[in-house]
Amino acid sequence: MLINDRKLVFELPQAGGRRAFIPEGDRLSSDLKSWYGQDKLRDSLDLPNLAELQVIRHYTNLSNKNYGVENGPYPLGSCTMKYNPKINEDVVAMPGFAHVHPMQPDATVQGTLKALYHLEELLCDLTGMDGFTLQPAAGAHGEYAGVMLIKSYHQARHDEARKYILVPDSAHGTNPATAAMAGYKIREVKSLPNGEVDVEDLKSKCDETVAGMMLTNPNTLGLFETQVKEITQAVHDCGGLMYYDGANLNPIMMQVRPGDMGFDCVHLNVHKTLSTPHGGGGPGAGPVGCKDFLKPYLPKPVLAKEGDKYFWDYDRPESFGRVRSFNGATAVLLRALSYLMANGYEGLKDSAEAAVANANYLYGKLKDLYATSTDQPVMHEFVLSGDIQAKQGCNTMDMAKRMIDYGIHPPTVYFPLIVHEAMMFEPTDTETVEGMQKMVHAMQEIAKEVENNPDLIHAAPHHTPVRRPDEVKAAKDLVVKFEG
């Protein structure tokens, strides 16, 4: 256990520290008052009186409690916690990229614009689209931009009767939320017992009020929609458009493209597919691509090229407008470009195949111990059910917390909602053989513990500073300010 393990920085011993390491002189003073007239940092802010070493140790100890993909297996289903290659960070840190300002004239940032333009070209190749915007700040933000493209298309045709977006019952929660934000109502499409979209149910809900359908393929059960062409055709036949949720593009890169399956627009989660950093509240990106007929409605400005010059084109009278300040998270997008260029066609193809191979290996080892949602081969992820163990007194949440004791981040739990006691695993293409074996061992041991020592599971995790918080209270009565 670390010293000051659970203390906030305000609770540490207020030891202070030496500040004057260099003798004062006529031109050099350690006293901030000589610069500001008052010690603003000390007098006007409620700062703890700590030595620099105390602060460094405190935050270093906190960082050691974080768990990431660089610490161990992180099979968080549907969120694709793949390893972020460090060469991406080297590229972004290059002065020509790192030291530019978003308000510089186009003529002074030609290198950056050329790189982003090339990224758009590669994303078109990857998805089968004809144009892209790099503005959206994240995947869900990209969803909103994509649905707004669909809305703009119908409005331009004065087709105001289209009020509904079709969404499968297995969809990511962001799909219905996004459609509602764009002003649409939701019409849910049922799944078949095998987990795929019920095409007959879909067809019964396709009419002149449908604006489009949002679909993930492979779906959230990790299954490829084998009738995808029939799905896209049914929606097109009723005058709707098809939106591809790019959350699960990982296993089909360079195998099949959304544009070839009949989709009209698509967003990419670059943190999932192209290895950019994920989470932590930092900047993100969710590029959106579309077919030619939707390009006029893309958020402006769009990146354009004339001769050998690159520029932001604001002359877009049919654009539905901006979705973000400036023109996208350049540093995140450049990381995605680095990943694409480092891998190339063959590398991306291998990555997709590795994602599928790893998921099927893990699924094959665990499907006889836990209930399964399908008997089909899976793609990059799969869903198990904790039903068997729940009947023995230990539910999915109990087992997820026990995984922490084995040094593994728990998978996504209780999603998708159509699977009872769901556990969604996604080992990703970057996981090692040793990491896969570690996950298998942990899940095998946990299944035995449920049978032989359920109290051990109920009390897990056993080795974390915070063990079993009241999660409902934490969500409803969130404390965001320290009260000393």
Protein backbone atom coordinates (compact mmCIF):
# COMPACT_ATOMS: atom_id res chain seq x y z
CA MET A 1 0.00 0.00 0.00
CA LEU A 2 1.39 3.38 -0.97
CA ILE A 3 1.92 6.14 1.60
CA ASN A 4 -0.90 8.71 1.45
CA ASP A 5 -2.73 6.10 -0.56
CA ARG A 6 -6.20 7.57 -0.36
CA LYS A 7 -5.48 11.19 0.52
CA LEU A 8 -6.31 14.15 -1.64
CA VAL A 9 -3.64 16.74 -2.28
CA PHE A 10 -5.31 19.08 0.23
CA GLU A 11 -5.02 16.43 2.93
CA LEU A 12 -1.26 15.93 2.63
CA PRO A 13 1.00 17.33 5.39
CA GLN A 14 1.41 21.03 4.63
CA ALA A 15 5.18 20.87 4.84
CA GLY A 16 5.98 23.58 2.34
CA GLY A 17 9.46 23.67 0.92
CA ARG A 18 12.49 25.75 0.13
CA ARG A 19 11.87 28.12 -2.72
CA ALA A 20 15.01 30.27 -2.92
CA PHE A 21 17.58 27.96 -4.53
CA ILE A 22 19.43 30.88 -6.18
CA PRO A 23 20.52 33.97 -4.23
CA GLU A 24 18.50 37.07 -5.03
CA GLY A 25 20.15 39.74 -7.14
CA ASP A 26 19.25 42.94 -8.90
CA ARG A 27 17.74 41.17 -11.87
CA LEU A 28 16.81 37.78 -10.41
CA SER A 29 14.35 37.28 -7.61
CA SER A 30 12.49 34.25 -6.31
CA ASP A 31 9.74 36.53 -5.01
CA LEU A 32 6.71 36.62 -7.34
CA LYS A 33 5.55 39.82 -5.65
CA SER A 34 8.26 41.75 -7.44
CA TRP A 35 6.58 40.77 -10.74
CA TYR A 36 2.87 40.97 -9.90
CA GLY A 37 2.60 43.42 -7.03
CA GLN A 38 1.05 40.68 -4.93
CA ASP A 39 1.59 36.97 -4.56
CA LYS A 40 -1.44 36.00 -6.63
CA LEU A 41 -0.63 32.30 -6.66
CA ARG A 42 -0.55 32.16 -2.86
CA ASP A 43 -2.97 34.86 -1.76
CA SER A 44 -5.82 34.63 -4.24
CA LEU A 45 -5.92 30.88 -4.80
CA ASP A 46 -6.65 28.17 -2.28
CA LEU A 47 -3.48 26.17 -2.93
CA PRO A 48 -1.97 23.65 -0.50
CA ASN A 49 1.45 24.57 0.87
CA LEU A 50 3.41 21.62 -0.49
CA ALA A 51 6.97 21.00 -1.52
CA GLU A 52 7.46 20.17 -5.18
CA LEU A 53 8.62 16.66 -4.25
CA GLN A 54 5.36 16.07 -2.34
CA VAL A 55 3.33 17.06 -5.38
CA ILE A 56 5.37 14.87 -7.74
CA ARG A 57 5.08 11.85 -5.47
CA HIS A 58 1.36 12.38 -4.96
CA TYR A 59 0.51 12.47 -8.66
CA THR A 60 2.95 9.72 -9.56
CA ASN A 61 1.31 7.48 -6.97
CA LEU A 62 -2.10 8.33 -8.41
CA SER A 63 -0.96 7.55 -11.94
CA ASN A 64 0.25 4.14 -10.80
CA LYS A 65 -3.32 3.30 -9.82
CA ASN A 66 -4.60 3.90 -13.36
CA TYR A 67 -5.17 0.87 -15.54
CA GLY A 68 -4.66 1.04 -19.28
CA VAL A 69 -3.86 -1.19 -22.22
CA GLU A 70 -0.16 -0.72 -21.43
CA ASN A 71 -0.68 -2.37 -18.03
CA GLY A 72 -2.46 -5.53 -19.12
CA PRO A 73 -5.40 -7.04 -21.04
CA TYR A 74 -8.25 -4.61 -21.61
CA PRO A 75 -11.09 -6.52 -23.36
CA LEU A 76 -13.63 -3.69 -23.16
CA GLY A 77 -16.20 -4.78 -25.72
CA SER A 78 -17.37 -2.25 -28.30
CA CYS A 79 -14.79 0.30 -27.18
CA THR A 80 -11.72 -1.30 -28.81
CA MET A 81 -8.93 -0.53 -26.39
CA LYS A 82 -6.13 -1.34 -28.80
CA TYR A 83 -2.51 -0.36 -28.25
CA ASN A 84 -1.46 3.10 -29.47
CA PRO A 85 1.90 2.84 -31.27
CA LYS A 86 4.42 5.39 -30.01
CA ILE A 87 5.51 6.33 -33.51
CA ASN A 88 2.17 8.15 -33.75
CA GLU A 89 3.23 10.36 -30.85
CA ASP A 90 6.57 11.09 -32.53
CA VAL A 91 4.80 12.23 -35.69
CA VAL A 92 2.44 14.56 -33.83
CA ALA A 93 5.34 16.04 -31.84
CA MET A 94 7.17 17.17 -34.98
CA PRO A 95 7.53 20.99 -34.76
CA GLY A 96 5.90 21.51 -38.16
CA PHE A 97 2.71 19.99 -36.75
CA ALA A 98 2.93 20.79 -33.05
CA HIS A 99 3.75 24.50 -33.32
CA VAL A 100 1.07 25.68 -35.74
CA HIS A 101 -2.02 27.69 -34.78
CA PRO A 102 -5.51 26.96 -36.15
CA MET A 103 -5.95 30.60 -37.20
CA GLN A 104 -2.80 30.77 -39.32
CA PRO A 105 -3.34 31.65 -42.99
CA ASP A 106 -3.66 28.60 -45.23
CA ALA A 107 -0.46 29.53 -47.07
CA THR A 108 1.57 29.08 -43.87
CA VAL A 109 0.27 25.58 -43.00
CA GLN A 110 0.43 23.83 -46.35
CA GLY A 111 2.22 20.80 -44.89
CA THR A 112 -0.50 20.21 -42.31
CA LEU A 113 -3.29 20.73 -44.83
CA LYS A 114 -1.61 18.35 -47.26
CA ALA A 115 -1.39 15.69 -44.55
CA LEU A 116 -5.07 16.10 -43.62
CA TYR A 117 -6.10 16.03 -47.28
CA HIS A 118 -4.17 12.78 -47.71
CA LEU A 119 -5.93 11.39 -44.63
CA GLU A 120 -9.30 12.16 -46.23
CA GLU A 121 -8.20 10.32 -49.39
CA LEU A 122 -7.16 7.27 -47.38
CA LEU A 123 -10.39 7.27 -45.39
CA CYS A 124 -12.36 7.33 -48.65
CA ASP A 125 -10.38 4.30 -49.82
CA LEU A 126 -10.93 2.55 -46.49
CA THR A 127 -14.70 3.08 -46.38
CA GLY A 128 -15.79 3.34 -50.02
CA MET A 129 -16.97 6.93 -49.60
CA ASP A 130 -16.41 9.91 -51.94
CA GLY A 131 -15.79 12.73 -49.47
CA PHE A 132 -15.01 13.37 -45.79
CA THR A 133 -15.20 15.99 -43.11
CA LEU A 134 -12.67 15.91 -40.28
CA GLN A 135 -14.56 18.35 -38.05
CA PRO A 136 -16.44 16.10 -35.59
CA ALA A 137 -14.81 15.75 -32.19
CA ALA A 138 -15.73 12.12 -31.43
CA GLY A 139 -17.66 9.13 -32.69
CA ALA A 140 -21.03 10.19 -31.28
CA HIS A 141 -20.40 13.70 -32.59
CA GLY A 142 -19.71 12.14 -35.97
CA GLU A 143 -23.01 10.28 -35.73
CA TYR A 144 -24.78 13.59 -35.30
CA ALA A 145 -23.02 15.07 -38.35
CA GLY A 146 -23.90 12.00 -40.40
CA VAL A 147 -27.58 12.08 -39.47
CA MET A 148 -27.62 15.79 -40.24
CA LEU A 149 -26.37 14.96 -43.74
CA ILE A 150 -29.37 12.68 -44.15
CA LYS A 151 -31.70 15.36 -42.79
CA SER A 152 -30.22 18.02 -45.08
CA TYR A 153 -30.69 15.75 -48.10
CA HIS A 154 -34.40 15.24 -47.37
CA GLN A 155 -34.94 18.92 -46.59
CA ALA A 156 -33.31 19.94 -49.87
CA ARG A 157 -35.85 17.72 -51.65
CA HIS A 158 -38.71 19.19 -49.54
CA ASP A 159 -39.47 15.71 -48.26
CA GLU A 160 -40.75 16.78 -44.86
CA ALA A 161 -42.77 13.61 -44.19
CA ARG A 162 -39.69 11.63 -43.18
CA LYS A 163 -39.73 11.73 -39.38
CA TYR A 164 -38.27 8.34 -38.41
CA ILE A 165 -34.83 6.74 -38.12
CA LEU A 166 -34.73 2.95 -37.97
CA VAL A 167 -32.48 1.53 -35.26
CA PRO A 168 -31.89 -2.17 -34.45
CA ASP A 169 -32.69 -3.30 -30.91
CA SER A 170 -29.04 -4.34 -30.50
CA ALA A 171 -27.66 -0.90 -31.47
CA HIS A 172 -25.24 1.25 -29.53
CA GLY A 173 -27.13 3.61 -27.24
CA THR A 174 -25.70 6.59 -29.07
CA ASN A 175 -27.72 5.69 -32.21
CA PRO A 176 -31.21 6.48 -30.89
CA ALA A 177 -29.83 9.39 -28.85
CA THR A 178 -28.18 10.88 -31.94
CA ALA A 179 -31.29 10.51 -34.06
CA ALA A 180 -33.38 12.19 -31.36
CA MET A 181 -30.89 15.07 -31.12
CA ALA A 182 -31.25 15.59 -34.87
CA GLY A 183 -35.02 15.88 -34.44
CA TYR A 184 -36.08 12.38 -35.48
CA LYS A 185 -38.30 9.79 -33.82
CA ILE A 186 -37.04 6.23 -33.38
CA ARG A 187 -38.52 3.08 -34.90
CA GLU A 188 -36.91 -0.03 -33.43
CA VAL A 189 -36.13 -3.05 -35.61
CA LYS A 190 -36.11 -6.49 -33.98
CA SER A 191 -33.28 -9.00 -34.04
CA LEU A 192 -33.62 -12.64 -35.03
CA PRO A 193 -32.76 -15.37 -32.49
CA ASN A 194 -29.33 -15.64 -34.17
CA GLY A 195 -28.61 -11.98 -33.38
CA GLU A 196 -28.92 -10.54 -36.89
CA VAL A 197 -31.46 -7.96 -38.04
CA ASP A 198 -34.91 -9.38 -38.73
CA VAL A 199 -35.25 -8.30 -42.35
CA GLU A 200 -38.96 -9.04 -42.50
CA ASP A 201 -39.57 -6.86 -39.44
CA LEU A 202 -37.43 -4.16 -41.09
CA LYS A 203 -39.43 -4.26 -44.31
CA SER A 204 -42.68 -3.95 -42.39
CA LYS A 205 -41.39 -0.66 -40.94
CA CYS A 206 -40.08 0.85 -44.17
CA ASP A 207 -42.40 3.49 -45.59
CA GLU A 208 -42.44 7.09 -46.82
CA THR A 209 -41.93 8.38 -43.23
CA VAL A 210 -38.48 6.75 -42.89
CA ALA A 211 -35.51 9.11 -43.30
CA GLY A 212 -32.90 6.41 -42.87
CA MET A 213 -31.44 3.59 -40.84
CA MET A 214 -28.42 3.50 -38.54
CA LEU A 215 -26.64 0.16 -38.60
CA THR A 216 -23.42 -1.27 -37.20
CA ASN A 217 -21.86 -4.13 -39.17
CA PRO A 218 -20.57 -6.30 -37.59
CA ASN A 219 -23.27 -5.65 -35.01
CA THR A 220 -22.87 -5.30 -31.26
CA LEU A 221 -23.07 -9.06 -30.78
CA GLY A 222 -19.93 -9.35 -32.89
CA LEU A 223 -21.85 -10.88 -35.81
CA PHE A 224 -21.62 -9.91 -39.45
CA GLU A 225 -25.02 -8.99 -40.90
CA THR A 226 -25.13 -11.55 -43.69
CA GLN A 227 -28.22 -9.92 -45.23
CA VAL A 228 -26.75 -6.43 -45.26
CA LYS A 229 -27.37 -5.90 -48.97
CA GLU A 230 -31.04 -6.80 -48.53
CA ILE A 231 -31.21 -4.41 -45.56
CA THR A 232 -29.72 -1.46 -47.44
CA GLN A 233 -31.90 -2.18 -50.49
CA ALA A 234 -35.09 -2.23 -48.40
CA VAL A 235 -34.29 1.17 -46.89
CA HIS A 236 -33.33 2.66 -50.26
CA ASP A 237 -36.49 1.31 -51.85
CA CYS A 238 -38.62 3.34 -49.44
CA GLY A 239 -36.57 6.48 -50.09
CA GLY A 240 -34.45 6.35 -46.95
CA LEU A 241 -30.68 6.53 -46.61
CA MET A 242 -28.26 4.17 -44.85
CA TYR A 243 -25.94 5.35 -42.09
CA TYR A 244 -22.97 3.19 -41.10
CA ASP A 245 -21.95 3.33 -37.45
CA GLY A 246 -18.19 2.85 -37.77
CA ALA A 247 -17.70 1.60 -34.22
CA ASN A 248 -17.09 -1.94 -35.46
CA LEU A 249 -15.02 -1.31 -38.58
CA ASN A 250 -11.98 -3.00 -36.98
CA PRO A 251 -12.58 -6.56 -38.25
CA ILE A 252 -13.50 -5.68 -41.84
CA MET A 253 -10.72 -3.26 -42.80
CA MET A 254 -9.54 -4.07 -46.32
CA GLN A 255 -11.98 -7.01 -46.37
CA VAL A 256 -15.20 -5.19 -47.29
CA ARG A 257 -16.17 -1.51 -47.29
CA PRO A 258 -19.35 0.17 -45.99
CA GLY A 259 -19.76 1.97 -49.31
CA ASP A 260 -19.81 -1.33 -51.16
CA MET A 261 -22.46 -2.70 -48.79
CA GLY A 262 -24.88 0.08 -49.71
CA PHE A 263 -24.24 2.69 -47.03
CA ASP A 264 -24.53 6.37 -47.95
CA CYS A 265 -22.57 7.91 -45.07
CA VAL A 266 -20.32 6.69 -42.29
CA HIS A 267 -18.48 7.90 -39.23
CA LEU A 268 -15.22 6.50 -37.92
CA ASN A 269 -14.15 6.13 -34.30
CA VAL A 270 -10.47 6.72 -34.94
CA HIS A 271 -9.62 5.64 -31.39
CA LYS A 272 -11.10 2.24 -32.19
CA THR A 273 -10.05 1.65 -35.76
CA LEU A 274 -6.91 3.74 -36.20
CA SER A 275 -5.27 3.51 -32.75
CA THR A 276 -5.61 7.10 -31.54
CA PRO A 277 -5.79 7.63 -27.73
CA HIS A 278 -9.09 6.86 -26.04
CA GLY A 279 -10.84 8.44 -23.09
CA GLY A 280 -9.50 10.59 -20.30
CA GLY A 281 -11.44 13.66 -21.35
CA GLY A 282 -8.90 14.69 -23.98
CA PRO A 283 -9.50 15.66 -27.60
CA GLY A 284 -10.99 13.12 -29.97
CA ALA A 285 -12.05 12.80 -33.58
CA GLY A 286 -14.95 11.24 -35.48
CA PRO A 287 -14.49 11.86 -39.22
CA VAL A 288 -17.61 11.49 -41.37
CA GLY A 289 -17.63 10.29 -44.96
CA CYS A 290 -20.39 10.27 -47.54
CA LYS A 291 -21.27 9.48 -51.12
CA ASP A 292 -21.06 12.19 -53.79
CA PHE A 293 -24.72 13.20 -53.61
CA LEU A 294 -24.33 14.12 -49.91
CA LYS A 295 -21.08 16.09 -50.24
CA PRO A 296 -22.77 19.51 -50.72
CA TYR A 297 -24.23 19.23 -47.20
CA LEU A 298 -20.96 18.49 -45.36
CA PRO A 299 -20.05 20.87 -42.52
CA LYS A 300 -18.10 23.83 -43.81
CA PRO A 301 -15.36 24.56 -44.43
CA VAL A 302 -14.20 21.51 -46.33
CA LEU A 303 -10.59 20.89 -47.22
CA ALA A 304 -9.97 21.56 -50.91
CA LYS A 305 -7.09 21.47 -53.37
CA GLU A 306 -6.39 23.63 -56.40
CA GLY A 307 -3.24 22.76 -58.31
CA ASP A 308 -0.63 22.13 -55.63
CA LYS A 309 -2.28 24.46 -53.08
CA TYR A 310 -4.53 23.35 -50.21
CA PHE A 311 -7.15 25.57 -48.60
CA TRP A 312 -10.33 25.61 -46.49
CA ASP A 313 -13.36 26.13 -48.72
CA TYR A 314 -16.09 28.20 -47.03
CA ASP A 315 -18.18 28.69 -50.17
CA ARG A 316 -20.65 25.93 -49.36
CA PRO A 317 -24.18 27.32 -49.61
CA GLU A 318 -25.89 23.95 -48.96
CA SER A 319 -23.77 23.01 -45.94
CA PHE A 320 -25.75 22.42 -42.75
CA GLY A 321 -23.07 24.40 -40.86
CA ARG A 322 -20.27 23.82 -38.43
CA VAL A 323 -20.23 21.10 -35.79
CA ARG A 324 -16.99 22.16 -34.08
CA SER A 325 -14.75 25.12 -33.48
CA PHE A 326 -11.95 25.35 -36.01
CA ASN A 327 -11.69 22.28 -38.23
CA GLY A 328 -11.07 19.19 -36.14
CA ALA A 329 -8.59 17.80 -33.62
CA THR A 330 -5.53 17.91 -35.87
CA ALA A 331 -3.18 16.10 -33.48
CA VAL A 332 -5.61 13.18 -33.15
CA LEU A 333 -6.17 13.03 -36.90
CA LEU A 334 -2.45 13.02 -37.61
CA ARG A 335 -2.07 10.03 -35.29
CA ALA A 336 -4.68 8.24 -37.40
CA LEU A 337 -2.79 9.15 -40.58
CA SER A 338 0.43 7.83 -39.05
CA TYR A 339 -1.27 4.51 -38.27
CA LEU A 340 -2.68 4.19 -41.79
CA MET A 341 0.64 4.98 -43.48
CA ALA A 342 2.67 2.76 -41.16
CA ASN A 343 0.42 -0.26 -41.84
CA GLY A 344 -0.56 0.17 -45.47
CA TYR A 345 -3.03 -2.09 -47.24
CA GLU A 346 -1.52 -5.38 -46.09
CA GLY A 347 -0.98 -4.23 -42.53
CA LEU A 348 -4.59 -3.09 -42.15
CA LYS A 349 -5.80 -6.36 -43.65
CA ASP A 350 -3.64 -8.31 -41.19
CA SER A 351 -4.95 -6.16 -38.33
CA ALA A 352 -8.55 -7.01 -39.20
CA GLU A 353 -7.78 -10.71 -39.43
CA ALA A 354 -5.91 -10.65 -36.11
CA ALA A 355 -8.89 -8.98 -34.42
CA VAL A 356 -11.16 -11.77 -35.65
CA ALA A 357 -8.68 -14.53 -34.80
CA ASN A 358 -8.15 -13.27 -31.25
CA ALA A 359 -11.87 -12.95 -30.58
CA ASN A 360 -12.60 -16.45 -31.87
CA TYR A 361 -9.74 -17.92 -29.84
CA LEU A 362 -11.04 -16.37 -26.64
CA TYR A 363 -14.65 -17.24 -27.49
CA GLY A 364 -13.72 -20.85 -28.21
CA LYS A 365 -12.03 -21.19 -24.81
CA LEU A 366 -14.91 -19.68 -22.83
CA LYS A 367 -18.15 -20.62 -24.56
CA ASP A 368 -18.47 -23.94 -22.71
CA LEU A 369 -18.11 -22.26 -19.29
CA TYR A 370 -20.54 -19.40 -19.81
CA ALA A 371 -23.83 -19.09 -21.63
CA THR A 372 -23.51 -17.76 -25.18
CA SER A 373 -25.68 -15.47 -27.25
CA THR A 374 -24.97 -17.25 -30.54
CA ASP A 375 -23.56 -20.46 -31.99
CA GLN A 376 -22.11 -18.65 -35.02
CA PRO A 377 -18.47 -17.71 -35.58
CA VAL A 378 -17.86 -14.23 -34.21
CA MET A 379 -15.99 -11.30 -35.67
CA HIS A 380 -13.89 -8.96 -33.49
CA GLU A 381 -15.99 -9.23 -30.33
CA PHE A 382 -18.48 -11.56 -28.72
CA VAL A 383 -21.07 -11.56 -25.97
CA LEU A 384 -21.24 -14.13 -23.18
CA SER A 385 -23.99 -14.35 -20.60
CA GLY A 386 -23.51 -14.80 -16.88
CA ASP A 387 -26.87 -16.56 -16.58
CA ILE A 388 -25.35 -19.89 -15.48
CA GLN A 389 -23.33 -18.22 -12.73
CA ALA A 390 -26.20 -15.90 -11.75
CA LYS A 391 -28.31 -18.98 -10.95
CA GLN A 392 -25.47 -20.06 -8.66
CA GLY A 393 -25.58 -16.74 -6.83
CA CYS A 394 -22.91 -14.66 -8.61
CA ASN A 395 -24.01 -12.22 -11.28
CA THR A 396 -22.09 -10.57 -14.10
CA MET A 397 -21.15 -7.53 -11.99
CA ASP A 398 -19.67 -9.79 -9.30
CA MET A 399 -17.53 -11.62 -11.85
CA ALA A 400 -16.44 -8.39 -13.55
CA LYS A 401 -15.16 -7.07 -10.24
CA ARG A 402 -13.34 -10.35 -9.57
CA MET A 403 -11.49 -9.98 -12.90
CA ILE A 404 -9.77 -6.91 -11.45
CA ASP A 405 -8.04 -9.14 -8.90
CA TYR A 406 -6.56 -11.12 -11.79
CA GLY A 407 -5.04 -7.98 -13.30
CA ILE A 408 -7.54 -7.71 -16.15
CA HIS A 409 -9.84 -4.83 -16.94
CA PRO A 410 -13.45 -6.09 -16.96
CA PRO A 411 -15.29 -6.34 -20.28
CA THR A 412 -18.36 -4.26 -21.04
CA VAL A 413 -21.19 -5.58 -18.86
CA TYR A 414 -24.97 -5.58 -19.25
CA PHE A 415 -24.75 -4.51 -22.89
CA PRO A 416 -26.22 -5.16 -25.37
CA LEU A 417 -29.51 -5.06 -23.54
CA ILE A 418 -30.99 -7.92 -25.53
CA VAL A 419 -28.60 -10.38 -23.79
CA HIS A 420 -29.35 -11.12 -20.14
CA GLU A 421 -26.34 -10.76 -17.79
CA ALA A 422 -24.24 -9.75 -20.80
CA MET A 423 -20.43 -9.66 -20.86
CA MET A 424 -19.01 -8.23 -24.08
CA PHE A 425 -15.38 -9.11 -24.80
CA GLU A 426 -13.15 -7.52 -27.43
CA PRO A 427 -9.53 -8.65 -27.13
CA THR A 428 -8.43 -6.51 -30.17
CA ASP A 429 -5.81 -7.22 -32.79
CA THR A 430 -2.95 -5.88 -30.65
CA GLU A 431 -3.36 -8.26 -27.70
CA THR A 432 -0.51 -10.72 -27.16
CA VAL A 433 -0.73 -14.50 -26.82
CA GLU A 434 0.25 -14.14 -23.17
CA GLY A 435 -2.52 -11.61 -22.62
CA MET A 436 -5.07 -13.91 -24.23
CA GLN A 437 -3.98 -16.81 -22.07
CA LYS A 438 -4.19 -14.61 -18.98
CA MET A 439 -7.81 -13.77 -19.79
CA VAL A 440 -8.68 -17.42 -20.39
CA HIS A 441 -7.09 -18.48 -17.11
CA ALA A 442 -8.89 -15.76 -15.16
CA MET A 443 -12.31 -16.62 -16.56
CA GLN A 444 -11.75 -20.33 -16.00
CA GLU A 445 -10.75 -19.74 -12.37
CA ILE A 446 -13.68 -17.39 -11.77
CA ALA A 447 -16.12 -20.03 -13.05
CA LYS A 448 -14.66 -22.48 -10.51
CA GLU A 449 -14.79 -19.90 -7.70
CA VAL A 450 -18.48 -19.25 -8.38
CA GLU A 451 -19.15 -22.92 -7.72
CA ASN A 452 -16.77 -23.46 -4.80
CA ASN A 453 -16.35 -20.10 -3.04
CA PRO A 454 -19.04 -17.58 -4.05
CA ASP A 455 -18.31 -15.34 -1.04
CA LEU A 456 -14.88 -14.66 -2.57
CA ILE A 457 -16.61 -13.36 -5.69
CA HIS A 458 -19.16 -11.30 -3.76
CA ALA A 459 -16.40 -9.43 -1.91
CA ALA A 460 -14.24 -8.73 -4.97
CA PRO A 461 -12.15 -6.82 -5.81
CA HIS A 462 -9.80 -7.51 -2.91
CA HIS A 463 -6.71 -5.50 -3.83
CA THR A 464 -7.94 -2.05 -4.82
CA PRO A 465 -8.04 1.13 -2.68
CA VAL A 466 -11.79 1.41 -3.30
CA ARG A 467 -13.61 -1.90 -3.43
CA ARG A 468 -17.41 -1.93 -3.53
CA PRO A 469 -18.82 1.59 -3.77
CA ASP A 470 -22.53 2.22 -3.86
CA GLU A 471 -22.63 2.78 -7.63
CA VAL A 472 -26.20 4.07 -7.72
CA LYS A 473 -25.43 6.64 -5.04
CA ALA A 474 -22.20 7.60 -6.77
CA ALA A 475 -24.10 8.27 -9.99
CA LYS A 476 -26.99 10.16 -8.39
CA ASP A 477 -25.11 12.01 -5.66
CA LEU A 478 -21.85 12.85 -7.38
CA VAL A 479 -19.30 14.74 -5.25
CA VAL A 480 -17.14 16.90 -7.51
CA LYS A 481 -15.69 19.36 -4.99
CA PHE A 482 -13.40 18.75 -2.03
CA GLU A 483 -14.82 19.98 1.25
CA GLY A 484 -12.00 20.23 3.78
